[in-house]
Amino acid sequence: SFLGIVVGDNLWLHSLQVLGARRVILIDIVKPFIALTLARLMLFEAVRPGVVLGMAITLCGVLTVSMENSGGDGDGDAAESVVGGSAS
């Protein structure tokens, strides 16, 4: 677990620097859908309509927030200052 935390978190923070917060969020929001699909295929988990609806609503909310124009340079990545980038 230590290795996963150290390596995983450092790679995630690096991706924030390289890709920007919007792109990282869009990639992160896909993970629950992948997990649901793999659980269905490999573990034969039941996929209930409420779960799919909740995931779709969450996806719509995240897409709405990540696609809105925040002004400035148009990129809207406030994470640069958090992870050591320069805010200009």
C-alpha atoms as a PDB file:
ATOM      1  CA  SER A   1       0.000   0.000   0.000  1.00  0.00           C
ATOM      2  CA  PHE A   2       2.912   2.373   0.668  1.00  0.00           C
ATOM      3  CA  LEU A   3       4.201   1.888  -2.872  1.00  0.00           C
ATOM      4  CA  GLY A   4       0.773   2.538  -4.337  1.00  0.00           C
ATOM      5  CA  ILE A   5       0.341   5.721  -2.346  1.00  0.00           C
ATOM      6  CA  VAL A   6       3.799   7.109  -3.029  1.00  0.00           C
ATOM      7  CA  VAL A   7       4.046   6.180  -6.709  1.00  0.00           C
ATOM      8  CA  GLY A   8       0.361   6.636  -7.520  1.00  0.00           C
ATOM      9  CA  ASP A   9       0.017  10.027  -5.875  1.00  0.00           C
ATOM     10  CA  ASN A  10       3.238  11.334  -7.388  1.00  0.00           C
ATOM     11  CA  LEU A  11       2.181  10.210 -10.866  1.00  0.00           C
ATOM     12  CA  TRP A  12      -1.253  11.777 -10.360  1.00  0.00           C
ATOM     13  CA  LEU A  13       0.299  15.091  -9.286  1.00  0.00           C
ATOM     14  CA  HIS A  14       2.678  14.925 -12.247  1.00  0.00           C
ATOM     15  CA  SER A  15      -0.279  14.371 -14.569  1.00  0.00           C
ATOM     16  CA  LEU A  16      -1.879  17.517 -13.141  1.00  0.00           C
ATOM     17  CA  GLN A  17       1.221  19.459 -14.142  1.00  0.00           C
ATOM     18  CA  VAL A  18       1.483  17.910 -17.599  1.00  0.00           C
ATOM     19  CA  LEU A  19      -2.164  17.576 -18.637  1.00  0.00           C
ATOM     20  CA  GLY A  20      -3.918  20.168 -16.507  1.00  0.00           C
ATOM     21  CA  ALA A  21      -6.746  19.715 -14.047  1.00  0.00           C
ATOM     22  CA  ARG A  22      -9.553  19.581 -16.612  1.00  0.00           C
ATOM     23  CA  ARG A  23      -8.062  16.692 -18.547  1.00  0.00           C
ATOM     24  CA  VAL A  24      -7.135  14.775 -15.395  1.00  0.00           C
ATOM     25  CA  ILE A  25     -10.684  15.146 -14.061  1.00  0.00           C
ATOM     26  CA  LEU A  26     -12.113  13.902 -17.346  1.00  0.00           C
ATOM     27  CA  ILE A  27      -9.842  10.872 -17.215  1.00  0.00           C
ATOM     28  CA  ASP A  28     -10.650  10.257 -13.530  1.00  0.00           C
ATOM     29  CA  ILE A  29     -14.410  10.315 -14.118  1.00  0.00           C
ATOM     30  CA  VAL A  30     -14.118   7.371 -16.529  1.00  0.00           C
ATOM     31  CA  LYS A  31     -12.678   5.062 -13.853  1.00  0.00           C
ATOM     32  CA  PRO A  32     -16.008   4.164 -12.173  1.00  0.00           C
ATOM     33  CA  PHE A  33     -17.464   3.152 -15.540  1.00  0.00           C
ATOM     34  CA  ILE A  34     -14.452   0.943 -16.227  1.00  0.00           C
ATOM     35  CA  ALA A  35     -14.745  -0.582 -12.753  1.00  0.00           C
ATOM     36  CA  LEU A  36     -18.462  -1.248 -13.256  1.00  0.00           C
ATOM     37  CA  THR A  37     -17.827  -2.876 -16.625  1.00  0.00           C
ATOM     38  CA  LEU A  38     -15.012  -5.056 -15.276  1.00  0.00           C
ATOM     39  CA  ALA A  39     -17.083  -6.039 -12.236  1.00  0.00           C
ATOM     40  CA  ARG A  40     -19.906  -7.087 -14.529  1.00  0.00           C
ATOM     41  CA  LEU A  41     -17.661  -9.044 -16.901  1.00  0.00           C
ATOM     42  CA  MET A  42     -15.268 -10.654 -14.418  1.00  0.00           C
ATOM     43  CA  LEU A  43     -17.257 -10.937 -11.195  1.00  0.00           C
ATOM     44  CA  PHE A  44     -20.742 -11.195 -12.682  1.00  0.00           C
ATOM     45  CA  GLU A  45     -21.953  -8.320 -10.508  1.00  0.00           C
ATOM     46  CA  ALA A  46     -25.487  -7.124 -11.031  1.00  0.00           C
ATOM     47  CA  VAL A  47     -25.703  -3.713 -12.632  1.00  0.00           C
ATOM     48  CA  ARG A  48     -28.738  -1.957 -11.235  1.00  0.00           C
ATOM     49  CA  PRO A  49     -30.402   0.904 -13.094  1.00  0.00           C
ATOM     50  CA  GLY A  50     -30.031   3.200 -10.083  1.00  0.00           C
ATOM     51  CA  VAL A  51     -26.266   2.764 -10.126  1.00  0.00           C
ATOM     52  CA  VAL A  52     -26.039   3.553 -13.821  1.00  0.00           C
ATOM     53  CA  LEU A  53     -28.346   6.561 -13.374  1.00  0.00           C
ATOM     54  CA  GLY A  54     -26.275   7.882 -10.472  1.00  0.00           C
ATOM     55  CA  MET A  55     -23.060   7.487 -12.427  1.00  0.00           C
ATOM     56  CA  ALA A  56     -24.597   9.244 -15.442  1.00  0.00           C
ATOM     57  CA  ILE A  57     -25.795  12.162 -13.300  1.00  0.00           C
ATOM     58  CA  THR A  58     -22.363  12.474 -11.720  1.00  0.00           C
ATOM     59  CA  LEU A  59     -20.715  12.336 -15.143  1.00  0.00           C
ATOM     60  CA  CYS A  60     -22.990  15.111 -16.424  1.00  0.00           C
ATOM     61  CA  GLY A  61     -22.163  17.272 -13.407  1.00  0.00           C
ATOM     62  CA  VAL A  62     -18.422  16.794 -13.736  1.00  0.00           C
ATOM     63  CA  LEU A  63     -18.546  17.454 -17.478  1.00  0.00           C
ATOM     64  CA  THR A  64     -20.581  20.602 -16.911  1.00  0.00           C
ATOM     65  CA  VAL A  65     -18.105  21.958 -14.386  1.00  0.00           C
ATOM     66  CA  SER A  66     -15.000  20.940 -16.321  1.00  0.00           C
ATOM     67  CA  MET A  67     -16.230  22.397 -19.611  1.00  0.00           C
ATOM     68  CA  GLU A  68     -17.296  25.795 -18.318  1.00  0.00           C
ATOM     69  CA  ASN A  69     -15.094  28.721 -19.223  1.00  0.00           C
ATOM     70  CA  SER A  70     -13.389  30.121 -16.150  1.00  0.00           C
ATOM     71  CA  GLY A  71     -11.838  33.139 -17.887  1.00  0.00           C
ATOM     72  CA  GLY A  72      -8.168  33.997 -17.890  1.00  0.00           C
ATOM     73  CA  ASP A  73      -6.179  32.031 -20.444  1.00  0.00           C
ATOM     74  CA  GLY A  74      -9.118  29.706 -21.143  1.00  0.00           C
ATOM     75  CA  ASP A  75      -7.447  26.654 -19.624  1.00  0.00           C
ATOM     76  CA  GLY A  76      -8.875  27.051 -16.139  1.00  0.00           C
ATOM     77  CA  ASP A  77      -6.192  25.002 -14.413  1.00  0.00           C
ATOM     78  CA  ALA A  78      -5.907  26.302 -10.873  1.00  0.00           C
ATOM     79  CA  ALA A  79      -4.019  23.138  -9.937  1.00  0.00           C
ATOM     80  CA  GLU A  80      -0.778  24.493 -11.391  1.00  0.00           C
ATOM     81  CA  SER A  81      -0.219  26.653  -8.342  1.00  0.00           C
ATOM     82  CA  VAL A  82      -1.072  23.730  -6.058  1.00  0.00           C
ATOM     83  CA  VAL A  83       1.467  21.325  -7.558  1.00  0.00           C
ATOM     84  CA  GLY A  84       4.349  23.731  -7.963  1.00  0.00           C
ATOM     85  CA  GLY A  85       3.658  25.379 -11.309  1.00  0.00           C
ATOM     86  CA  SER A  86       3.829  29.085 -11.782  1.00  0.00           C
ATOM     87  CA  ALA A  87       0.616  31.026 -11.829  1.00  0.00           C
ATOM     88  CA  SER A  88       0.871  33.736 -14.469  1.00  0.00           C
END
